[in-house]
Amino acid sequence: MPTSSIGDTSPEIERRQVESWRRMTPAQKAALISGLTGAAFAMTAAGVRQRHPDASPREQFLRVAIIALGRDLAILAYPDAAGVTHA
Protein backbone atom coordinates (compact mmCIF):
# COMPACT_ATOMS: atom_id res chain seq x y z
CA MET A 1 0.00 0.00 0.00
CA PRO A 2 1.43 3.44 -0.93
CA THR A 3 2.25 5.82 1.87
CA SER A 4 1.04 9.39 2.09
CA SER A 5 3.10 11.78 0.02
CA ILE A 6 2.25 14.64 2.37
CA GLY A 7 3.37 12.89 5.51
CA ASP A 8 0.72 14.42 7.80
CA THR A 9 -1.29 11.19 8.12
CA SER A 10 -0.16 8.31 10.24
CA PRO A 11 0.25 5.00 8.42
CA GLU A 12 -2.48 3.44 10.59
CA ILE A 13 -5.02 6.14 9.77
CA GLU A 14 -4.11 6.00 6.09
CA ARG A 15 -4.58 2.21 6.14
CA ARG A 16 -8.02 2.63 7.72
CA GLN A 17 -8.98 5.21 5.12
CA VAL A 18 -7.96 2.96 2.24
CA GLU A 19 -9.86 0.06 3.79
CA SER A 20 -13.00 2.20 4.10
CA TRP A 21 -12.73 3.21 0.43
CA ARG A 22 -12.41 -0.45 -0.54
CA ARG A 23 -15.60 -1.28 1.38
CA MET A 24 -17.58 1.42 -0.40
CA THR A 25 -19.99 0.44 -3.14
CA PRO A 26 -19.49 1.94 -6.59
CA ALA A 27 -22.52 4.19 -5.93
CA GLN A 28 -20.98 5.44 -2.68
CA LYS A 29 -17.67 6.15 -4.42
CA ALA A 30 -19.48 8.01 -7.21
CA ALA A 31 -21.40 10.08 -4.67
CA LEU A 32 -18.17 10.92 -2.84
CA ILE A 33 -16.41 12.00 -6.05
CA SER A 34 -19.46 13.96 -7.17
CA GLY A 35 -19.54 15.82 -3.88
CA LEU A 36 -15.83 16.60 -4.01
CA THR A 37 -16.15 17.81 -7.61
CA GLY A 38 -19.05 20.06 -6.63
CA ALA A 39 -17.03 21.48 -3.75
CA ALA A 40 -14.08 22.18 -6.06
CA PHE A 41 -16.34 24.00 -8.53
CA ALA A 42 -17.92 26.00 -5.70
CA MET A 43 -14.49 27.06 -4.43
CA THR A 44 -13.40 27.97 -7.96
CA ALA A 45 -16.53 30.07 -8.46
CA ALA A 46 -16.01 31.78 -5.10
CA GLY A 47 -12.45 32.65 -6.09
CA VAL A 48 -13.64 34.08 -9.41
CA ARG A 49 -16.31 36.17 -7.64
CA GLN A 50 -13.71 37.46 -5.19
CA ARG A 51 -11.24 38.42 -7.94
CA HIS A 52 -13.91 39.82 -10.30
CA PRO A 53 -16.77 41.14 -8.13
CA ASP A 54 -18.11 43.43 -10.87
CA ALA A 55 -18.24 40.70 -13.54
CA SER A 56 -21.64 39.62 -14.80
CA PRO A 57 -22.87 36.13 -13.88
CA ARG A 58 -22.12 35.03 -17.46
CA GLU A 59 -18.57 36.35 -17.31
CA GLN A 60 -18.04 34.64 -13.96
CA PHE A 61 -19.35 31.39 -15.46
CA LEU A 62 -16.97 31.73 -18.41
CA ARG A 63 -14.04 32.39 -16.10
CA VAL A 64 -14.84 29.20 -14.15
CA ALA A 65 -15.11 27.31 -17.45
CA ILE A 66 -11.68 28.57 -18.51
CA ILE A 67 -10.16 27.43 -15.23
CA ALA A 68 -11.90 24.03 -15.28
CA LEU A 69 -11.60 23.19 -18.97
CA GLY A 70 -8.60 25.18 -20.10
CA ARG A 71 -8.89 28.15 -22.42
CA ASP A 72 -9.02 26.27 -25.74
CA LEU A 73 -11.71 23.80 -24.72
CA ALA A 74 -13.72 26.49 -22.93
CA ILE A 75 -13.78 28.56 -26.14
CA LEU A 76 -14.86 25.52 -28.14
CA ALA A 77 -17.70 24.89 -25.71
CA TYR A 78 -18.54 28.57 -25.11
CA PRO A 79 -17.35 30.77 -28.00
CA ASP A 80 -17.97 33.95 -26.02
CA ALA A 81 -15.21 32.82 -23.63
CA ALA A 82 -12.77 34.13 -26.25
CA GLY A 83 -13.59 37.63 -25.00
CA VAL A 84 -12.42 36.86 -21.46
CA THR A 85 -8.84 38.00 -21.13
CA HIS A 86 -7.85 36.00 -18.03
CA ALA A 87 -9.56 33.83 -15.46
PDB file of N, CA and C in Angstrom:
ATOM      1  N   MET A   1       0.842  -1.177   0.000  1.00  0.00           N
ATOM      2  CA  MET A   1       0.000   0.000   0.000  1.00  0.00           C
ATOM      3  C   MET A   1       0.886   1.239   0.000  1.00  0.00           C
ATOM      4  N   PRO A   2       0.608   2.235  -0.890  1.00  0.00           N
ATOM      5  CA  PRO A   2       1.432   3.439  -0.926  1.00  0.00           C
ATOM      6  C   PRO A   2       1.273   4.239   0.351  1.00  0.00           C
ATOM      7  N   THR A   3       2.324   4.955   0.700  1.00  0.00           N
ATOM      8  CA  THR A   3       2.252   5.819   1.873  1.00  0.00           C
ATOM      9  C   THR A   3       1.912   7.233   1.435  1.00  0.00           C
ATOM     10  N   SER A   4       1.444   8.017   2.373  1.00  0.00           N
ATOM     11  CA  SER A   4       1.036   9.388   2.095  1.00  0.00           C
ATOM     12  C   SER A   4       2.225  10.209   1.622  1.00  0.00           C
ATOM     13  N   SER A   5       2.021  10.935   0.537  1.00  0.00           N
ATOM     14  CA  SER A   5       3.103  11.779   0.019  1.00  0.00           C
ATOM     15  C   SER A   5       3.232  13.060   0.828  1.00  0.00           C
ATOM     16  N   ILE A   6       2.204  13.413   1.583  1.00  0.00           N
ATOM     17  CA  ILE A   6       2.247  14.639   2.372  1.00  0.00           C
ATOM     18  C   ILE A   6       2.934  14.389   3.700  1.00  0.00           C
ATOM     19  N   GLY A   7       2.703  13.225   4.280  1.00  0.00           N
ATOM     20  CA  GLY A   7       3.370  12.895   5.515  1.00  0.00           C
ATOM     21  C   GLY A   7       2.653  13.386   6.756  1.00  0.00           C
ATOM     22  N   ASP A   8       1.436  13.926   6.619  1.00  0.00           N
ATOM     23  CA  ASP A   8       0.722  14.416   7.796  1.00  0.00           C
ATOM     24  C   ASP A   8      -0.305  13.416   8.304  1.00  0.00           C
ATOM     25  N   THR A   9      -0.358  12.237   7.716  1.00  0.00           N
ATOM     26  CA  THR A   9      -1.293  11.195   8.121  1.00  0.00           C
ATOM     27  C   THR A   9      -0.510   9.976   8.576  1.00  0.00           C
ATOM     28  N   SER A  10      -0.869   9.484   9.740  1.00  0.00           N
ATOM     29  CA  SER A  10      -0.155   8.310  10.243  1.00  0.00           C
ATOM     30  C   SER A  10      -0.453   7.112   9.345  1.00  0.00           C
ATOM     31  N   PRO A  11       0.480   6.186   9.253  1.00  0.00           N
ATOM     32  CA  PRO A  11       0.248   4.997   8.423  1.00  0.00           C
ATOM     33  C   PRO A  11      -1.009   4.232   8.830  1.00  0.00           C
ATOM     34  N   GLU A  12      -1.298   4.157  10.123  1.00  0.00           N
ATOM     35  CA  GLU A  12      -2.480   3.438  10.592  1.00  0.00           C
ATOM     36  C   GLU A  12      -3.767   4.119  10.107  1.00  0.00           C
ATOM     37  N   ILE A  13      -3.831   5.416  10.214  1.00  0.00           N
ATOM     38  CA  ILE A  13      -5.024   6.143   9.769  1.00  0.00           C
ATOM     39  C   ILE A  13      -5.159   6.041   8.257  1.00  0.00           C
ATOM     40  N   GLU A  14      -4.056   6.129   7.542  1.00  0.00           N
ATOM     41  CA  GLU A  14      -4.108   5.996   6.091  1.00  0.00           C
ATOM     42  C   GLU A  14      -4.593   4.592   5.701  1.00  0.00           C
ATOM     43  N   ARG A  15      -4.136   3.570   6.403  1.00  0.00           N
ATOM     44  CA  ARG A  15      -4.576   2.205   6.145  1.00  0.00           C
ATOM     45  C   ARG A  15      -6.083   2.076   6.371  1.00  0.00           C
ATOM     46  N   ARG A  16      -6.579   2.668   7.445  1.00  0.00           N
ATOM     47  CA  ARG A  16      -8.020   2.628   7.722  1.00  0.00           C
ATOM     48  C   ARG A  16      -8.816   3.341   6.626  1.00  0.00           C
ATOM     49  N   GLN A  17      -8.286   4.465   6.173  1.00  0.00           N
ATOM     50  CA  GLN A  17      -8.984   5.215   5.124  1.00  0.00           C
ATOM     51  C   GLN A  17      -9.069   4.399   3.843  1.00  0.00           C
ATOM     52  N   VAL A  18      -7.975   3.788   3.441  1.00  0.00           N
ATOM     53  CA  VAL A  18      -7.963   2.961   2.237  1.00  0.00           C
ATOM     54  C   VAL A  18      -8.920   1.782   2.391  1.00  0.00           C
ATOM     55  N   GLU A  19      -8.930   1.164   3.548  1.00  0.00           N
ATOM     56  CA  GLU A  19      -9.856   0.060   3.787  1.00  0.00           C
ATOM     57  C   GLU A  19     -11.311   0.522   3.663  1.00  0.00           C
ATOM     58  N   SER A  20     -11.611   1.701   4.184  1.00  0.00           N
ATOM     59  CA  SER A  20     -12.998   2.196   4.096  1.00  0.00           C
ATOM     60  C   SER A  20     -13.378   2.483   2.644  1.00  0.00           C
ATOM     61  N   TRP A  21     -12.439   2.994   1.853  1.00  0.00           N
ATOM     62  CA  TRP A  21     -12.730   3.208   0.431  1.00  0.00           C
ATOM     63  C   TRP A  21     -12.992   1.875  -0.266  1.00  0.00           C
ATOM     64  N   ARG A  22     -12.233   0.867   0.083  1.00  0.00           N
ATOM     65  CA  ARG A  22     -12.408  -0.450  -0.536  1.00  0.00           C
ATOM     66  C   ARG A  22     -13.761  -1.067  -0.191  1.00  0.00           C
ATOM     67  N   ARG A  23     -14.294  -0.749   0.982  1.00  0.00           N
ATOM     68  CA  ARG A  23     -15.597  -1.283   1.383  1.00  0.00           C
ATOM     69  C   ARG A  23     -16.770  -0.530   0.746  1.00  0.00           C
ATOM     70  N   MET A  24     -16.503   0.622   0.193  1.00  0.00           N
ATOM     71  CA  MET A  24     -17.578   1.417  -0.400  1.00  0.00           C
ATOM     72  C   MET A  24     -18.103   0.757  -1.673  1.00  0.00           C
ATOM     73  N   THR A  25     -19.403   0.901  -1.890  1.00  0.00           N
ATOM     74  CA  THR A  25     -19.994   0.435  -3.137  1.00  0.00           C
ATOM     75  C   THR A  25     -19.623   1.415  -4.253  1.00  0.00           C
ATOM     76  N   PRO A  26     -19.742   0.999  -5.497  1.00  0.00           N
ATOM     77  CA  PRO A  26     -19.493   1.944  -6.586  1.00  0.00           C
ATOM     78  C   PRO A  26     -20.375   3.201  -6.485  1.00  0.00           C
ATOM     79  N   ALA A  27     -21.626   3.028  -6.069  1.00  0.00           N
ATOM     80  CA  ALA A  27     -22.516   4.190  -5.932  1.00  0.00           C
ATOM     81  C   ALA A  27     -22.017   5.135  -4.842  1.00  0.00           C
ATOM     82  N   GLN A  28     -21.517   4.593  -3.749  1.00  0.00           N
ATOM     83  CA  GLN A  28     -20.981   5.436  -2.680  1.00  0.00           C
ATOM     84  C   GLN A  28     -19.734   6.178  -3.146  1.00  0.00           C
ATOM     85  N   LYS A  29     -18.870   5.485  -3.892  1.00  0.00           N
ATOM     86  CA  LYS A  29     -17.671   6.146  -4.422  1.00  0.00           C
ATOM     87  C   LYS A  29     -18.045   7.254  -5.396  1.00  0.00           C
ATOM     88  N   ALA A  30     -19.035   6.984  -6.252  1.00  0.00           N
ATOM     89  CA  ALA A  30     -19.479   8.005  -7.211  1.00  0.00           C
ATOM     90  C   ALA A  30     -20.052   9.212  -6.487  1.00  0.00           C
ATOM     91  N   ALA A  31     -20.829   8.973  -5.434  1.00  0.00           N
ATOM     92  CA  ALA A  31     -21.400  10.081  -4.667  1.00  0.00           C
ATOM     93  C   ALA A  31     -20.299  10.897  -3.998  1.00  0.00           C
ATOM     94  N   LEU A  32     -19.292  10.229  -3.474  1.00  0.00           N
ATOM     95  CA  LEU A  32     -18.170  10.925  -2.844  1.00  0.00           C
ATOM     96  C   LEU A  32     -17.448  11.806  -3.853  1.00  0.00           C
ATOM     97  N   ILE A  33     -17.122  11.244  -5.012  1.00  0.00           N
ATOM     98  CA  ILE A  33     -16.413  12.002  -6.047  1.00  0.00           C
ATOM     99  C   ILE A  33     -17.274  13.155  -6.552  1.00  0.00           C
ATOM    100  N   SER A  34     -18.558  12.904  -6.727  1.00  0.00           N
ATOM    101  CA  SER A  34     -19.462  13.961  -7.174  1.00  0.00           C
ATOM    102  C   SER A  34     -19.489  15.115  -6.171  1.00  0.00           C
ATOM    103  N   GLY A  35     -19.556  14.785  -4.906  1.00  0.00           N
ATOM    104  CA  GLY A  35     -19.544  15.821  -3.876  1.00  0.00           C
ATOM    105  C   GLY A  35     -18.251  16.611  -3.855  1.00  0.00           C
ATOM    106  N   LEU A  36     -17.131  15.919  -3.990  1.00  0.00           N
ATOM    107  CA  LEU A  36     -15.833  16.604  -4.013  1.00  0.00           C
ATOM    108  C   LEU A  36     -15.697  17.496  -5.245  1.00  0.00           C
ATOM    109  N   THR A  37     -16.195  17.009  -6.385  1.00  0.00           N
ATOM    110  CA  THR A  37     -16.150  17.809  -7.607  1.00  0.00           C
ATOM    111  C   THR A  37     -17.007  19.058  -7.445  1.00  0.00           C
ATOM    112  N   GLY A  38     -18.187  18.898  -6.878  1.00  0.00           N
ATOM    113  CA  GLY A  38     -19.050  20.057  -6.630  1.00  0.00           C
ATOM    114  C   GLY A  38     -18.399  21.068  -5.708  1.00  0.00           C
ATOM    115  N   ALA A  39     -17.723  20.584  -4.679  1.00  0.00           N
ATOM    116  CA  ALA A  39     -17.031  21.477  -3.755  1.00  0.00           C
ATOM    117  C   ALA A  39     -15.898  22.226  -4.457  1.00  0.00           C
ATOM    118  N   ALA A  40     -15.174  21.529  -5.324  1.00  0.00           N
ATOM    119  CA  ALA A  40     -14.084  22.179  -6.062  1.00  0.00           C
ATOM    120  C   ALA A  40     -14.621  23.267  -6.984  1.00  0.00           C
ATOM    121  N   PHE A  41     -15.737  22.983  -7.672  1.00  0.00           N
ATOM    122  CA  PHE A  41     -16.338  24.004  -8.531  1.00  0.00           C
ATOM    123  C   PHE A  41     -16.835  25.183  -7.707  1.00  0.00           C
ATOM    124  N   ALA A  42     -17.426  24.914  -6.554  1.00  0.00           N
ATOM    125  CA  ALA A  42     -17.918  26.000  -5.701  1.00  0.00           C
ATOM    126  C   ALA A  42     -16.769  26.886  -5.226  1.00  0.00           C
ATOM    127  N   MET A  43     -15.645  26.274  -4.856  1.00  0.00           N
ATOM    128  CA  MET A  43     -14.488  27.062  -4.430  1.00  0.00           C
ATOM    129  C   MET A  43     -13.911  27.864  -5.590  1.00  0.00           C
ATOM    130  N   THR A  44     -13.883  27.260  -6.777  1.00  0.00           N
ATOM    131  CA  THR A  44     -13.396  27.968  -7.958  1.00  0.00           C
ATOM    132  C   THR A  44     -14.285  29.173  -8.246  1.00  0.00           C
ATOM    133  N   ALA A  45     -15.593  28.973  -8.203  1.00  0.00           N
ATOM    134  CA  ALA A  45     -16.530  30.073  -8.458  1.00  0.00           C
ATOM    135  C   ALA A  45     -16.391  31.164  -7.412  1.00  0.00           C
ATOM    136  N   ALA A  46     -16.193  30.780  -6.158  1.00  0.00           N
ATOM    137  CA  ALA A  46     -16.013  31.779  -5.096  1.00  0.00           C
ATOM    138  C   ALA A  46     -14.746  32.598  -5.342  1.00  0.00           C
ATOM    139  N   GLY A  47     -13.689  31.930  -5.780  1.00  0.00           N
ATOM    140  CA  GLY A  47     -12.454  32.654  -6.089  1.00  0.00           C
ATOM    141  C   GLY A  47     -12.634  33.619  -7.245  1.00  0.00           C
ATOM    142  N   VAL A  48     -13.367  33.193  -8.267  1.00  0.00           N
ATOM    143  CA  VAL A  48     -13.643  34.079  -9.412  1.00  0.00           C
ATOM    144  C   VAL A  48     -14.452  35.285  -8.943  1.00  0.00           C
ATOM    145  N   ARG A  49     -15.490  35.051  -8.130  1.00  0.00           N
ATOM    146  CA  ARG A  49     -16.310  36.175  -7.640  1.00  0.00           C
ATOM    147  C   ARG A  49     -15.480  37.142  -6.809  1.00  0.00           C
ATOM    148  N   GLN A  50     -14.556  36.604  -6.023  1.00  0.00           N
ATOM    149  CA  GLN A  50     -13.709  37.458  -5.195  1.00  0.00           C
ATOM    150  C   GLN A  50     -12.762  38.300  -6.048  1.00  0.00           C
ATOM    151  N   ARG A  51     -12.186  37.696  -7.092  1.00  0.00           N
ATOM    152  CA  ARG A  51     -11.242  38.422  -7.944  1.00  0.00           C
ATOM    153  C   ARG A  51     -11.933  39.355  -8.928  1.00  0.00           C
ATOM    154  N   HIS A  52     -13.187  39.039  -9.283  1.00  0.00           N
ATOM    155  CA  HIS A  52     -13.908  39.819 -10.302  1.00  0.00           C
ATOM    156  C   HIS A  52     -15.329  40.118  -9.809  1.00  0.00           C
ATOM    157  N   PRO A  53     -15.449  40.909  -8.726  1.00  0.00           N
ATOM    158  CA  PRO A  53     -16.768  41.138  -8.128  1.00  0.00           C
ATOM    159  C   PRO A  53     -17.737  41.892  -9.040  1.00  0.00           C
ATOM    160  N   ASP A  54     -17.242  42.657  -9.984  1.00  0.00           N
ATOM    161  CA  ASP A  54     -18.112  43.432 -10.873  1.00  0.00           C
ATOM    162  C   ASP A  54     -18.466  42.689 -12.162  1.00  0.00           C
ATOM    163  N   ALA A  55     -17.953  41.482 -12.337  1.00  0.00           N
ATOM    164  CA  ALA A  55     -18.241  40.704 -13.544  1.00  0.00           C
ATOM    165  C   ALA A  55     -19.692  40.225 -13.515  1.00  0.00           C
ATOM    166  N   SER A  56     -20.276  40.144 -14.691  1.00  0.00           N
ATOM    167  CA  SER A  56     -21.643  39.624 -14.796  1.00  0.00           C
ATOM    168  C   SER A  56     -21.644  38.127 -14.451  1.00  0.00           C
ATOM    169  N   PRO A  57     -22.811  37.582 -14.125  1.00  0.00           N
ATOM    170  CA  PRO A  57     -22.869  36.133 -13.878  1.00  0.00           C
ATOM    171  C   PRO A  57     -22.334  35.316 -15.063  1.00  0.00           C
ATOM    172  N   ARG A  58     -22.618  35.760 -16.289  1.00  0.00           N
ATOM    173  CA  ARG A  58     -22.117  35.026 -17.463  1.00  0.00           C
ATOM    174  C   ARG A  58     -20.597  35.071 -17.523  1.00  0.00           C
ATOM    175  N   GLU A  59     -20.027  36.237 -17.278  1.00  0.00           N
ATOM    176  CA  GLU A  59     -18.572  36.351 -17.309  1.00  0.00           C
ATOM    177  C   GLU A  59     -17.951  35.490 -16.210  1.00  0.00           C
ATOM    178  N   GLN A  60     -18.550  35.482 -15.031  1.00  0.00           N
ATOM    179  CA  GLN A  60     -18.040  34.641 -13.961  1.00  0.00           C
ATOM    180  C   GLN A  60     -18.107  33.168 -14.363  1.00  0.00           C
ATOM    181  N   PHE A  61     -19.214  32.764 -14.977  1.00  0.00           N
ATOM    182  CA  PHE A  61     -19.347  31.388 -15.465  1.00  0.00           C
ATOM    183  C   PHE A  61     -18.238  31.062 -16.463  1.00  0.00           C
ATOM    184  N   LEU A  62     -18.004  31.970 -17.391  1.00  0.00           N
ATOM    185  CA  LEU A  62     -16.975  31.728 -18.409  1.00  0.00           C
ATOM    186  C   LEU A  62     -15.592  31.638 -17.788  1.00  0.00           C
ATOM    187  N   ARG A  63     -15.336  32.439 -16.782  1.00  0.00           N
ATOM    188  CA  ARG A  63     -14.043  32.386 -16.101  1.00  0.00           C
ATOM    189  C   ARG A  63     -13.855  31.033 -15.398  1.00  0.00           C
ATOM    190  N   VAL A  64     -14.911  30.526 -14.779  1.00  0.00           N
ATOM    191  CA  VAL A  64     -14.839  29.203 -14.150  1.00  0.00           C
ATOM    192  C   VAL A  64     -14.600  28.145 -15.228  1.00  0.00           C
ATOM    193  N   ALA A  65     -15.291  28.272 -16.358  1.00  0.00           N
ATOM    194  CA  ALA A  65     -15.113  27.312 -17.453  1.00  0.00           C
ATOM    195  C   ALA A  65     -13.670  27.313 -17.948  1.00  0.00           C
ATOM    196  N   ILE A  66     -13.070  28.480 -18.056  1.00  0.00           N
ATOM    197  CA  ILE A  66     -11.678  28.570 -18.515  1.00  0.00           C
ATOM    198  C   ILE A  66     -10.743  27.877 -17.524  1.00  0.00           C
ATOM    199  N   ILE A  67     -10.998  28.081 -16.250  1.00  0.00           N
ATOM    200  CA  ILE A  67     -10.163  27.430 -15.232  1.00  0.00           C
ATOM    201  C   ILE A  67     -10.349  25.918 -15.275  1.00  0.00           C
ATOM    202  N   ALA A  68     -11.608  25.473 -15.358  1.00  0.00           N
ATOM    203  CA  ALA A  68     -11.905  24.034 -15.283  1.00  0.00           C
ATOM    204  C   ALA A  68     -11.537  23.282 -16.546  1.00  0.00           C
ATOM    205  N   LEU A  69     -11.776  23.893 -17.695  1.00  0.00           N
ATOM    206  CA  LEU A  69     -11.600  23.189 -18.970  1.00  0.00           C
ATOM    207  C   LEU A  69     -10.309  23.536 -19.697  1.00  0.00           C
ATOM    208  N   GLY A  70      -9.705  24.639 -19.318  1.00  0.00           N
ATOM    209  CA  GLY A  70      -8.599  25.176 -20.096  1.00  0.00           C
ATOM    210  C   GLY A  70      -9.168  26.114 -21.143  1.00  0.00           C
ATOM    211  N   ARG A  71      -8.400  27.099 -21.527  1.00  0.00           N
ATOM    212  CA  ARG A  71      -8.888  28.153 -22.418  1.00  0.00           C
ATOM    213  C   ARG A  71      -9.403  27.603 -23.757  1.00  0.00           C
ATOM    214  N   ASP A  72      -8.639  26.756 -24.409  1.00  0.00           N
ATOM    215  CA  ASP A  72      -9.024  26.273 -25.744  1.00  0.00           C
ATOM    216  C   ASP A  72     -10.343  25.503 -25.728  1.00  0.00           C
ATOM    217  N   LEU A  73     -10.486  24.576 -24.793  1.00  0.00           N
ATOM    218  CA  LEU A  73     -11.712  23.795 -24.717  1.00  0.00           C
ATOM    219  C   LEU A  73     -12.893  24.663 -24.281  1.00  0.00           C
ATOM    220  N   ALA A  74     -12.647  25.591 -23.367  1.00  0.00           N
ATOM    221  CA  ALA A  74     -13.721  26.493 -22.930  1.00  0.00           C
ATOM    222  C   ALA A  74     -14.239  27.315 -24.111  1.00  0.00           C
ATOM    223  N   ILE A  75     -13.353  27.778 -24.970  1.00  0.00           N
ATOM    224  CA  ILE A  75     -13.775  28.557 -26.136  1.00  0.00           C
ATOM    225  C   ILE A  75     -14.528  27.686 -27.128  1.00  0.00           C
ATOM    226  N   LEU A  76     -14.109  26.432 -27.279  1.00  0.00           N
ATOM    227  CA  LEU A  76     -14.865  25.520 -28.144  1.00  0.00           C
ATOM    228  C   LEU A  76     -16.281  25.306 -27.606  1.00  0.00           C
ATOM    229  N   ALA A  77     -16.393  25.138 -26.310  1.00  0.00           N
ATOM    230  CA  ALA A  77     -17.703  24.892 -25.705  1.00  0.00           C
ATOM    231  C   ALA A  77     -18.522  26.161 -25.592  1.00  0.00           C
ATOM    232  N   TYR A  78     -17.880  27.271 -25.308  1.00  0.00           N
ATOM    233  CA  TYR A  78     -18.538  28.570 -25.110  1.00  0.00           C
ATOM    234  C   TYR A  78     -17.769  29.621 -25.893  1.00  0.00           C
ATOM    235  N   PRO A  79     -18.120  29.840 -27.153  1.00  0.00           N
ATOM    236  CA  PRO A  79     -17.350  30.766 -27.999  1.00  0.00           C
ATOM    237  C   PRO A  79     -17.167  32.158 -27.404  1.00  0.00           C
ATOM    238  N   ASP A  80     -18.134  32.619 -26.605  1.00  0.00           N
ATOM    239  CA  ASP A  80     -17.970  33.947 -26.016  1.00  0.00           C
ATOM    240  C   ASP A  80     -16.883  33.985 -24.939  1.00  0.00           C
ATOM    241  N   ALA A  81     -16.327  32.844 -24.557  1.00  0.00           N
ATOM    242  CA  ALA A  81     -15.206  32.817 -23.628  1.00  0.00           C
ATOM    243  C   ALA A  81     -13.964  33.438 -24.245  1.00  0.00           C
ATOM    244  N   ALA A  82     -13.920  33.518 -25.574  1.00  0.00           N
ATOM    245  CA  ALA A  82     -12.769  34.132 -26.253  1.00  0.00           C
ATOM    246  C   ALA A  82     -12.605  35.589 -25.837  1.00  0.00           C
ATOM    247  N   GLY A  83     -13.666  36.242 -25.419  1.00  0.00           N
ATOM    248  CA  GLY A  83     -13.591  37.632 -25.004  1.00  0.00           C
ATOM    249  C   GLY A  83     -13.093  37.841 -23.590  1.00  0.00           C
ATOM    250  N   VAL A  84     -12.911  36.771 -22.836  1.00  0.00           N
ATOM    251  CA  VAL A  84     -12.425  36.863 -21.464  1.00  0.00           C
ATOM    252  C   VAL A  84     -10.903  36.841 -21.516  1.00  0.00           C
ATOM    253  N   THR A  85     -10.279  37.875 -20.995  1.00  0.00           N
ATOM    254  CA  THR A  85      -8.835  37.999 -21.130  1.00  0.00           C
ATOM    255  C   THR A  85      -8.047  37.105 -20.183  1.00  0.00           C
ATOM    256  N   HIS A  86      -8.518  36.913 -18.976  1.00  0.00           N
ATOM    257  CA  HIS A  86      -7.847  36.000 -18.026  1.00  0.00           C
ATOM    258  C   HIS A  86      -8.858  35.552 -16.985  1.00  0.00           C
ATOM    259  N   ALA A  87      -8.620  34.378 -16.437  1.00  0.00           N
ATOM    260  CA  ALA A  87      -9.559  33.827 -15.456  1.00  0.00           C
ATOM    261  C   ALA A  87      -9.187  34.301 -14.071  1.00  0.00           C
TER     262      ALA A  87
END
